[in-house]
């Protein structure tokens, strides 16, 4: 953020300044991460094992996982871009109101992503150890906390949402329009928390192909919901279709959990079988 401010406001670089600042920030973060890992390895009496790190099979697996995550991310970006484009067709007022409300979703994603990242780490540890009990505890506890926080976020949106809208825009028409669609935004964390958590579980287990495929299926369901709902309910239907996307991601990934369990640990136990 500091680099972006310096480049844009200080040097007048506009979009190029944002791009350069973001690139340099990523490079600094990567360098700092490598330094932290090196220090921890030295503390533990270890070191970089380059033959293992550069093993072709492991590199291919890493590239495949990252490629699957990239496809997932592209699908998400296209879905939100489609949402924005469809809102624009309803006029400037609806477009502006949707833009204000999307800030709520950004906050949700920052908060709930924390639990998803925790799931990735803990599930990855369980998968590496082939420990089914640890896997279920990690997935279950992180999901319970994420559910509780999602309900709190929904309540906060209901109670403080109008004040937040007023803080994001001074236009009275945009405020009124945004308030009309606020209930959908309040539902978003409760509906979306499951897809966040399941993403983290599948990424942590490096079963990214399932996540990628279910994302593609979910986008198709999302577009179908949009085609059915928006002609009837307009922008309300557009928000409903976005929630359908969240729900579809959760349902399709949940349906693949038994396969994930079987791939990691062999014959599924009673919990996975259910």
C-alpha atoms as a PDB file:
ATOM      1  CA  UNK A   1       0.000   0.000   0.000  1.00  0.00           C
ATOM      2  CA  UNK A   2       2.813   2.372   0.843  1.00  0.00           C
ATOM      3  CA  UNK A   3       4.530   1.749  -2.498  1.00  0.00           C
ATOM      4  CA  UNK A   4       1.275   2.304  -4.385  1.00  0.00           C
ATOM      5  CA  UNK A   5       0.758   5.613  -2.582  1.00  0.00           C
ATOM      6  CA  UNK A   6       4.326   6.712  -3.316  1.00  0.00           C
ATOM      7  CA  UNK A   7       4.225   5.747  -6.990  1.00  0.00           C
ATOM      8  CA  UNK A   8       0.715   7.030  -7.723  1.00  0.00           C
ATOM      9  CA  UNK A   9       0.387  10.120  -5.518  1.00  0.00           C
ATOM     10  CA  UNK A  10       4.073  10.918  -5.250  1.00  0.00           C
ATOM     11  CA  UNK A  11       5.320  10.176  -8.770  1.00  0.00           C
ATOM     12  CA  UNK A  12       2.021  10.479 -10.646  1.00  0.00           C
ATOM     13  CA  UNK A  13       2.367   7.034 -12.270  1.00  0.00           C
ATOM     14  CA  UNK A  14      -1.395   6.212 -12.236  1.00  0.00           C
ATOM     15  CA  UNK A  15      -2.191   2.560 -13.082  1.00  0.00           C
ATOM     16  CA  UNK A  16       1.449   1.796 -13.859  1.00  0.00           C
ATOM     17  CA  UNK A  17       2.351   2.874 -10.313  1.00  0.00           C
ATOM     18  CA  UNK A  18      -0.213   0.491  -8.808  1.00  0.00           C
ATOM     19  CA  UNK A  19       1.149  -2.364 -10.937  1.00  0.00           C
ATOM     20  CA  UNK A  20       4.787  -1.612 -10.076  1.00  0.00           C
ATOM     21  CA  UNK A  21       4.031  -1.197  -6.370  1.00  0.00           C
ATOM     22  CA  UNK A  22       2.128  -4.476  -6.259  1.00  0.00           C
ATOM     23  CA  UNK A  23       4.903  -6.314  -8.109  1.00  0.00           C
ATOM     24  CA  UNK A  24       7.601  -4.988  -5.787  1.00  0.00           C
ATOM     25  CA  UNK A  25       5.474  -5.831  -2.743  1.00  0.00           C
ATOM     26  CA  UNK A  26       5.110  -9.426  -3.955  1.00  0.00           C
ATOM     27  CA  UNK A  27       8.872  -9.659  -4.522  1.00  0.00           C
ATOM     28  CA  UNK A  28       9.575  -8.320  -1.031  1.00  0.00           C
ATOM     29  CA  UNK A  29       7.084 -10.788   0.467  1.00  0.00           C
ATOM     30  CA  UNK A  30       8.665 -13.714  -1.407  1.00  0.00           C
ATOM     31  CA  UNK A  31      12.154 -12.675  -0.317  1.00  0.00           C
ATOM     32  CA  UNK A  32      11.036 -12.272   3.272  1.00  0.00           C
ATOM     33  CA  UNK A  33       9.350 -15.668   3.185  1.00  0.00           C
ATOM     34  CA  UNK A  34      12.487 -17.357   1.838  1.00  0.00           C
ATOM     35  CA  UNK A  35      14.540 -15.663   4.547  1.00  0.00           C
ATOM     36  CA  UNK A  36      12.129 -16.822   7.280  1.00  0.00           C
ATOM     37  CA  UNK A  37      12.190 -20.394   5.976  1.00  0.00           C
ATOM     38  CA  UNK A  38      15.990 -20.363   5.784  1.00  0.00           C
ATOM     39  CA  UNK A  39      16.266 -19.136   9.349  1.00  0.00           C
ATOM     40  CA  UNK A  40      13.848 -21.796  10.591  1.00  0.00           C
ATOM     41  CA  UNK A  41      15.716 -24.516   8.692  1.00  0.00           C
ATOM     42  CA  UNK A  42      18.974 -23.389  10.228  1.00  0.00           C
ATOM     43  CA  UNK A  43      17.416 -23.383  13.700  1.00  0.00           C
ATOM     44  CA  UNK A  44      16.284 -26.979  13.181  1.00  0.00           C
ATOM     45  CA  UNK A  45      19.629 -28.061  11.750  1.00  0.00           C
ATOM     46  CA  UNK A  46      18.253 -28.533   8.241  1.00  0.00           C
ATOM     47  CA  UNK A  47      18.817 -26.928   4.875  1.00  0.00           C
ATOM     48  CA  UNK A  48      17.553 -26.570   1.321  1.00  0.00           C
ATOM     49  CA  UNK A  49      17.447 -29.960  -0.416  1.00  0.00           C
ATOM     50  CA  UNK A  50      17.523 -28.810  -4.025  1.00  0.00           C
ATOM     51  CA  UNK A  51      17.369 -32.293  -5.635  1.00  0.00           C
ATOM     52  CA  UNK A  52      14.136 -32.945  -3.751  1.00  0.00           C
ATOM     53  CA  UNK A  53      12.771 -29.447  -4.387  1.00  0.00           C
ATOM     54  CA  UNK A  54      13.502 -29.636  -8.126  1.00  0.00           C
ATOM     55  CA  UNK A  55      12.403 -33.256  -8.569  1.00  0.00           C
ATOM     56  CA  UNK A  56      10.449 -33.334 -11.864  1.00  0.00           C
ATOM     57  CA  UNK A  57       7.503 -35.276 -10.426  1.00  0.00           C
ATOM     58  CA  UNK A  58       7.105 -32.832  -7.560  1.00  0.00           C
ATOM     59  CA  UNK A  59       7.436 -29.825  -9.838  1.00  0.00           C
ATOM     60  CA  UNK A  60       4.775 -31.232 -12.156  1.00  0.00           C
ATOM     61  CA  UNK A  61       2.446 -31.784  -9.222  1.00  0.00           C
ATOM     62  CA  UNK A  62       3.045 -28.253  -7.957  1.00  0.00           C
ATOM     63  CA  UNK A  63       2.394 -26.780 -11.397  1.00  0.00           C
ATOM     64  CA  UNK A  64      -0.742 -28.885 -11.788  1.00  0.00           C
ATOM     65  CA  UNK A  65      -2.116 -27.766  -8.431  1.00  0.00           C
ATOM     66  CA  UNK A  66      -1.350 -24.120  -9.164  1.00  0.00           C
ATOM     67  CA  UNK A  67      -2.848 -24.464 -12.622  1.00  0.00           C
ATOM     68  CA  UNK A  68      -6.071 -25.844 -11.148  1.00  0.00           C
ATOM     69  CA  UNK A  69      -6.199 -23.011  -8.611  1.00  0.00           C
ATOM     70  CA  UNK A  70      -5.645 -20.510 -11.427  1.00  0.00           C
ATOM     71  CA  UNK A  71      -8.589 -21.942 -13.377  1.00  0.00           C
ATOM     72  CA  UNK A  72     -10.714 -21.720 -10.211  1.00  0.00           C
ATOM     73  CA  UNK A  73      -9.655 -18.107  -9.689  1.00  0.00           C
ATOM     74  CA  UNK A  74     -10.336 -17.166 -13.308  1.00  0.00           C
ATOM     75  CA  UNK A  75     -13.825 -18.656 -13.030  1.00  0.00           C
ATOM     76  CA  UNK A  76     -14.458 -16.585  -9.903  1.00  0.00           C
ATOM     77  CA  UNK A  77     -13.186 -13.399 -11.536  1.00  0.00           C
ATOM     78  CA  UNK A  78     -15.326 -13.997 -14.604  1.00  0.00           C
ATOM     79  CA  UNK A  79     -18.361 -14.674 -12.403  1.00  0.00           C
ATOM     80  CA  UNK A  80     -17.952 -11.404 -10.506  1.00  0.00           C
ATOM     81  CA  UNK A  81     -17.199  -9.504 -13.706  1.00  0.00           C
ATOM     82  CA  UNK A  82     -20.365 -10.958 -15.223  1.00  0.00           C
ATOM     83  CA  UNK A  83     -22.270  -9.854 -12.115  1.00  0.00           C
ATOM     84  CA  UNK A  84     -20.959  -6.301 -12.516  1.00  0.00           C
ATOM     85  CA  UNK A  85     -21.741  -6.230 -16.241  1.00  0.00           C
ATOM     86  CA  UNK A  86     -25.303  -7.416 -15.682  1.00  0.00           C
ATOM     87  CA  UNK A  87     -25.796  -4.856 -12.931  1.00  0.00           C
ATOM     88  CA  UNK A  88     -24.609  -2.143 -15.316  1.00  0.00           C
ATOM     89  CA  UNK A  89     -27.364  -3.099 -17.758  1.00  0.00           C
ATOM     90  CA  UNK A  90     -29.906  -2.167 -15.083  1.00  0.00           C
ATOM     91  CA  UNK A  91     -28.658   1.426 -15.042  1.00  0.00           C
ATOM     92  CA  UNK A  92     -26.116   3.609 -13.294  1.00  0.00           C
ATOM     93  CA  UNK A  93     -28.038   3.652 -10.010  1.00  0.00           C
ATOM     94  CA  UNK A  94     -28.127  -0.146  -9.661  1.00  0.00           C
ATOM     95  CA  UNK A  95     -24.519  -0.410 -10.820  1.00  0.00           C
ATOM     96  CA  UNK A  96     -23.406   2.067  -8.143  1.00  0.00           C
ATOM     97  CA  UNK A  97     -25.478   0.350  -5.439  1.00  0.00           C
ATOM     98  CA  UNK A  98     -24.034  -3.039  -6.345  1.00  0.00           C
ATOM     99  CA  UNK A  99     -20.522  -1.579  -6.270  1.00  0.00           C
ATOM    100  CA  UNK A 100     -21.135  -0.267  -2.744  1.00  0.00           C
ATOM    101  CA  UNK A 101     -22.474  -3.636  -1.587  1.00  0.00           C
ATOM    102  CA  UNK A 102     -19.602  -5.566  -3.138  1.00  0.00           C
ATOM    103  CA  UNK A 103     -17.367  -3.988  -0.497  1.00  0.00           C
ATOM    104  CA  UNK A 104     -19.213  -6.105   2.062  1.00  0.00           C
ATOM    105  CA  UNK A 105     -18.292  -9.239   0.101  1.00  0.00           C
ATOM    106  CA  UNK A 106     -14.650  -8.175  -0.002  1.00  0.00           C
ATOM    107  CA  UNK A 107     -14.621  -7.842   3.785  1.00  0.00           C
ATOM    108  CA  UNK A 108     -16.309 -11.234   4.140  1.00  0.00           C
ATOM    109  CA  UNK A 109     -13.697 -12.835   1.915  1.00  0.00           C
ATOM    110  CA  UNK A 110     -10.811 -11.352   3.911  1.00  0.00           C
ATOM    111  CA  UNK A 111     -12.258 -12.630   7.193  1.00  0.00           C
ATOM    112  CA  UNK A 112     -13.424 -16.074   6.074  1.00  0.00           C
ATOM    113  CA  UNK A 113     -10.273 -16.675   4.040  1.00  0.00           C
ATOM    114  CA  UNK A 114      -8.389 -16.758   7.345  1.00  0.00           C
ATOM    115  CA  UNK A 115     -10.254 -19.904   8.381  1.00  0.00           C
ATOM    116  CA  UNK A 116      -9.850 -21.373   4.901  1.00  0.00           C
ATOM    117  CA  UNK A 117      -6.089 -20.822   5.110  1.00  0.00           C
ATOM    118  CA  UNK A 118      -6.052 -22.485   8.518  1.00  0.00           C
ATOM    119  CA  UNK A 119      -7.899 -25.439   6.986  1.00  0.00           C
ATOM    120  CA  UNK A 120      -5.331 -25.629   4.189  1.00  0.00           C
ATOM    121  CA  UNK A 121      -2.455 -25.829   6.675  1.00  0.00           C
ATOM    122  CA  UNK A 122      -4.062 -28.284   9.095  1.00  0.00           C
ATOM    123  CA  UNK A 123      -5.549 -30.515   6.400  1.00  0.00           C
ATOM    124  CA  UNK A 124      -2.205 -30.517   4.578  1.00  0.00           C
ATOM    125  CA  UNK A 125      -0.505 -31.693   7.769  1.00  0.00           C
ATOM    126  CA  UNK A 126      -3.112 -34.441   8.234  1.00  0.00           C
ATOM    127  CA  UNK A 127      -2.817 -35.510   4.604  1.00  0.00           C
ATOM    128  CA  UNK A 128       0.962 -35.672   4.860  1.00  0.00           C
ATOM    129  CA  UNK A 129       0.709 -37.867   7.946  1.00  0.00           C
ATOM    130  CA  UNK A 130      -2.145 -39.935   6.488  1.00  0.00           C
ATOM    131  CA  UNK A 131      -3.995 -39.216   9.730  1.00  0.00           C
ATOM    132  CA  UNK A 132      -7.751 -39.446   9.138  1.00  0.00           C
ATOM    133  CA  UNK A 133      -8.582 -38.412  12.710  1.00  0.00           C
ATOM    134  CA  UNK A 134      -6.486 -35.249  12.472  1.00  0.00           C
ATOM    135  CA  UNK A 135      -8.014 -34.512   9.076  1.00  0.00           C
ATOM    136  CA  UNK A 136     -11.549 -34.640  10.450  1.00  0.00           C
ATOM    137  CA  UNK A 137     -10.704 -32.638  13.567  1.00  0.00           C
ATOM    138  CA  UNK A 138      -8.939 -29.967  11.515  1.00  0.00           C
ATOM    139  CA  UNK A 139     -11.772 -29.689   9.003  1.00  0.00           C
ATOM    140  CA  UNK A 140     -14.480 -29.815  11.653  1.00  0.00           C
ATOM    141  CA  UNK A 141     -13.065 -27.326  14.164  1.00  0.00           C
ATOM    142  CA  UNK A 142     -12.017 -24.744  11.568  1.00  0.00           C
ATOM    143  CA  UNK A 143     -15.437 -25.011   9.920  1.00  0.00           C
ATOM    144  CA  UNK A 144     -17.279 -24.558  13.223  1.00  0.00           C
ATOM    145  CA  UNK A 145     -15.325 -21.370  13.923  1.00  0.00           C
ATOM    146  CA  UNK A 146     -15.903 -20.149  10.367  1.00  0.00           C
ATOM    147  CA  UNK A 147     -19.647 -20.815  10.694  1.00  0.00           C
ATOM    148  CA  UNK A 148     -19.817 -18.857  13.952  1.00  0.00           C
ATOM    149  CA  UNK A 149     -17.964 -15.909  12.423  1.00  0.00           C
ATOM    150  CA  UNK A 150     -20.135 -16.009   9.292  1.00  0.00           C
ATOM    151  CA  UNK A 151     -23.273 -15.698  11.441  1.00  0.00           C
ATOM    152  CA  UNK A 152     -21.662 -12.777  13.278  1.00  0.00           C
ATOM    153  CA  UNK A 153     -20.849 -11.114   9.953  1.00  0.00           C
ATOM    154  CA  UNK A 154     -24.440 -11.583   8.784  1.00  0.00           C
ATOM    155  CA  UNK A 155     -25.767 -10.047  11.999  1.00  0.00           C
ATOM    156  CA  UNK A 156     -23.318  -7.159  11.681  1.00  0.00           C
ATOM    157  CA  UNK A 157     -24.464  -6.535   8.106  1.00  0.00           C
ATOM    158  CA  UNK A 158     -28.083  -6.391   9.224  1.00  0.00           C
ATOM    159  CA  UNK A 159     -27.427  -4.146  12.202  1.00  0.00           C
ATOM    160  CA  UNK A 160     -24.681  -1.882  10.876  1.00  0.00           C
ATOM    161  CA  UNK A 161     -25.126  -2.301   7.136  1.00  0.00           C
ATOM    162  CA  UNK A 162     -27.144   0.891   6.638  1.00  0.00           C
ATOM    163  CA  UNK A 163     -24.487   2.920   8.483  1.00  0.00           C
ATOM    164  CA  UNK A 164     -21.747   1.294   6.406  1.00  0.00           C
ATOM    165  CA  UNK A 165     -23.623   2.136   3.213  1.00  0.00           C
ATOM    166  CA  UNK A 166     -23.914   5.754   4.348  1.00  0.00           C
ATOM    167  CA  UNK A 167     -20.175   5.802   4.947  1.00  0.00           C
ATOM    168  CA  UNK A 168     -19.435   4.468   1.460  1.00  0.00           C
ATOM    169  CA  UNK A 169     -21.613   6.905  -0.504  1.00  0.00           C
ATOM    170  CA  UNK A 170     -23.183  10.313   0.055  1.00  0.00           C
ATOM    171  CA  UNK A 171     -25.725   9.965  -2.756  1.00  0.00           C
ATOM    172  CA  UNK A 172     -29.201   9.475  -1.200  1.00  0.00           C
ATOM    173  CA  UNK A 173     -30.543   7.501  -4.185  1.00  0.00           C
ATOM    174  CA  UNK A 174     -27.618   5.083  -4.104  1.00  0.00           C
ATOM    175  CA  UNK A 175     -28.045   4.693  -0.351  1.00  0.00           C
ATOM    176  CA  UNK A 176     -31.724   3.850  -0.711  1.00  0.00           C
ATOM    177  CA  UNK A 177     -31.095   1.415  -3.574  1.00  0.00           C
ATOM    178  CA  UNK A 178     -28.262  -0.330  -1.750  1.00  0.00           C
ATOM    179  CA  UNK A 179     -30.425  -0.787   1.347  1.00  0.00           C
ATOM    180  CA  UNK A 180     -33.022  -2.565  -0.785  1.00  0.00           C
ATOM    181  CA  UNK A 181     -30.504  -5.267  -1.679  1.00  0.00           C
ATOM    182  CA  UNK A 182     -28.768  -5.429   1.706  1.00  0.00           C
ATOM    183  CA  UNK A 183     -30.612  -8.611   2.845  1.00  0.00           C
ATOM    184  CA  UNK A 184     -28.908 -10.587   0.061  1.00  0.00           C
ATOM    185  CA  UNK A 185     -25.547  -9.279   1.184  1.00  0.00           C
ATOM    186  CA  UNK A 186     -26.331 -10.283   4.765  1.00  0.00           C
ATOM    187  CA  UNK A 187     -27.029 -13.836   3.599  1.00  0.00           C
ATOM    188  CA  UNK A 188     -23.785 -14.048   1.634  1.00  0.00           C
ATOM    189  CA  UNK A 189     -21.382 -15.022   4.464  1.00  0.00           C
ATOM    190  CA  UNK A 190     -23.717 -17.711   5.808  1.00  0.00           C
ATOM    191  CA  UNK A 191     -24.149 -19.234   2.353  1.00  0.00           C
ATOM    192  CA  UNK A 192     -20.575 -18.654   1.192  1.00  0.00           C
ATOM    193  CA  UNK A 193     -18.664 -19.887   4.243  1.00  0.00           C
ATOM    194  CA  UNK A 194     -19.039 -23.496   3.127  1.00  0.00           C
ATOM    195  CA  UNK A 195     -17.382 -22.902  -0.230  1.00  0.00           C
ATOM    196  CA  UNK A 196     -14.518 -21.037   1.461  1.00  0.00           C
ATOM    197  CA  UNK A 197     -13.935 -23.902   3.870  1.00  0.00           C
ATOM    198  CA  UNK A 198     -14.216 -26.647   1.282  1.00  0.00           C
ATOM    199  CA  UNK A 199     -11.805 -24.789  -0.992  1.00  0.00           C
ATOM    200  CA  UNK A 200      -9.319 -24.744   1.866  1.00  0.00           C
ATOM    201  CA  UNK A 201      -9.823 -28.448   2.568  1.00  0.00           C
ATOM    202  CA  UNK A 202      -9.339 -29.486  -1.045  1.00  0.00           C
ATOM    203  CA  UNK A 203      -6.328 -27.210  -1.559  1.00  0.00           C
ATOM    204  CA  UNK A 204      -4.737 -28.427   1.667  1.00  0.00           C
ATOM    205  CA  UNK A 205      -5.163 -32.015   0.499  1.00  0.00           C
ATOM    206  CA  UNK A 206      -3.801 -30.967  -2.952  1.00  0.00           C
ATOM    207  CA  UNK A 207      -6.936 -32.428  -4.550  1.00  0.00           C
ATOM    208  CA  UNK A 208      -7.188 -29.345  -6.700  1.00  0.00           C
ATOM    209  CA  UNK A 209      -8.573 -31.087  -9.783  1.00  0.00           C
ATOM    210  CA  UNK A 210     -11.862 -31.783  -8.006  1.00  0.00           C
ATOM    211  CA  UNK A 211     -12.026 -28.168  -6.847  1.00  0.00           C
ATOM    212  CA  UNK A 212     -11.388 -26.923 -10.395  1.00  0.00           C
ATOM    213  CA  UNK A 213     -14.015 -29.198 -11.934  1.00  0.00           C
ATOM    214  CA  UNK A 214     -16.656 -28.353  -9.335  1.00  0.00           C
ATOM    215  CA  UNK A 215     -15.959 -24.653  -9.880  1.00  0.00           C
ATOM    216  CA  UNK A 216     -16.676 -25.039 -13.596  1.00  0.00           C
ATOM    217  CA  UNK A 217     -19.896 -26.902 -12.816  1.00  0.00           C
ATOM    218  CA  UNK A 218     -20.879 -24.215 -10.315  1.00  0.00           C
ATOM    219  CA  UNK A 219     -20.360 -21.423 -12.851  1.00  0.00           C
ATOM    220  CA  UNK A 220     -22.660 -23.246 -15.265  1.00  0.00           C
ATOM    221  CA  UNK A 221     -25.292 -23.483 -12.505  1.00  0.00           C
ATOM    222  CA  UNK A 222     -24.775 -19.795 -11.725  1.00  0.00           C
ATOM    223  CA  UNK A 223     -25.398 -18.786 -15.328  1.00  0.00           C
ATOM    224  CA  UNK A 224     -28.480 -20.970 -15.443  1.00  0.00           C
ATOM    225  CA  UNK A 225     -29.804 -19.356 -12.264  1.00  0.00           C
ATOM    226  CA  UNK A 226     -29.105 -15.901 -13.703  1.00  0.00           C
ATOM    227  CA  UNK A 227     -31.029 -16.764 -16.883  1.00  0.00           C
ATOM    228  CA  UNK A 228     -34.000 -17.950 -14.840  1.00  0.00           C
ATOM    229  CA  UNK A 229     -34.086 -15.409 -12.017  1.00  0.00           C
ATOM    230  CA  UNK A 230     -33.124 -12.031 -13.451  1.00  0.00           C
ATOM    231  CA  UNK A 231     -35.954 -11.807 -16.021  1.00  0.00           C
ATOM    232  CA  UNK A 232     -38.391 -12.189 -13.115  1.00  0.00           C
ATOM    233  CA  UNK A 233     -36.758 -10.326 -10.235  1.00  0.00           C
ATOM    234  CA  UNK A 234     -34.226  -8.061 -11.918  1.00  0.00           C
ATOM    235  CA  UNK A 235     -31.303  -7.090  -9.683  1.00  0.00           C
ATOM    236  CA  UNK A 236     -32.766  -9.119  -6.822  1.00  0.00           C
ATOM    237  CA  UNK A 237     -32.509 -12.112  -9.136  1.00  0.00           C
ATOM    238  CA  UNK A 238     -28.924 -11.180  -9.944  1.00  0.00           C
ATOM    239  CA  UNK A 239     -28.011 -11.247  -6.245  1.00  0.00           C
ATOM    240  CA  UNK A 240     -29.915 -14.490  -5.834  1.00  0.00           C
ATOM    241  CA  UNK A 241     -27.928 -16.049  -8.671  1.00  0.00           C
ATOM    242  CA  UNK A 242     -24.669 -14.994  -6.989  1.00  0.00           C
ATOM    243  CA  UNK A 243     -25.761 -16.777  -3.815  1.00  0.00           C
ATOM    244  CA  UNK A 244     -26.639 -19.774  -5.970  1.00  0.00           C
ATOM    245  CA  UNK A 245     -23.018 -19.747  -7.162  1.00  0.00           C
ATOM    246  CA  UNK A 246     -21.795 -19.861  -3.554  1.00  0.00           C
ATOM    247  CA  UNK A 247     -24.223 -22.650  -2.692  1.00  0.00           C
ATOM    248  CA  UNK A 248     -23.401 -24.638  -5.828  1.00  0.00           C
ATOM    249  CA  UNK A 249     -19.696 -24.546  -5.017  1.00  0.00           C
ATOM    250  CA  UNK A 250     -20.413 -25.812  -1.511  1.00  0.00           C
ATOM    251  CA  UNK A 251     -22.789 -28.581  -2.576  1.00  0.00           C
ATOM    252  CA  UNK A 252     -20.646 -29.873  -5.426  1.00  0.00           C
ATOM    253  CA  UNK A 253     -17.466 -29.901  -3.326  1.00  0.00           C
ATOM    254  CA  UNK A 254     -19.265 -31.537  -0.398  1.00  0.00           C
ATOM    255  CA  UNK A 255     -20.419 -34.270  -2.767  1.00  0.00           C
ATOM    256  CA  UNK A 256     -16.771 -34.994  -3.560  1.00  0.00           C
ATOM    257  CA  UNK A 257     -15.646 -35.232   0.078  1.00  0.00           C
ATOM    258  CA  UNK A 258     -16.024 -39.051   0.214  1.00  0.00           C
ATOM    259  CA  UNK A 259     -13.747 -39.304  -2.826  1.00  0.00           C
ATOM    260  CA  UNK A 260     -11.239 -36.995  -1.148  1.00  0.00           C
ATOM    261  CA  UNK A 261     -11.323 -39.097   2.004  1.00  0.00           C
ATOM    262  CA  UNK A 262     -10.868 -42.296  -0.005  1.00  0.00           C
ATOM    263  CA  UNK A 263      -7.968 -40.874  -2.025  1.00  0.00           C
ATOM    264  CA  UNK A 264      -6.151 -39.756   1.118  1.00  0.00           C
ATOM    265  CA  UNK A 265      -6.842 -42.559   3.555  1.00  0.00           C
ATOM    266  CA  UNK A 266      -8.179 -45.553   1.617  1.00  0.00           C
ATOM    267  CA  UNK A 267     -11.566 -47.069   2.424  1.00  0.00           C
ATOM    268  CA  UNK A 268     -13.706 -44.325   3.971  1.00  0.00           C
ATOM    269  CA  UNK A 269     -14.716 -44.604   7.578  1.00  0.00           C
ATOM    270  CA  UNK A 270     -18.257 -44.138   8.895  1.00  0.00           C
ATOM    271  CA  UNK A 271     -18.121 -40.316   9.006  1.00  0.00           C
ATOM    272  CA  UNK A 272     -16.817 -40.003   5.441  1.00  0.00           C
ATOM    273  CA  UNK A 273     -19.262 -42.637   4.227  1.00  0.00           C
ATOM    274  CA  UNK A 274     -22.149 -40.563   5.514  1.00  0.00           C
END
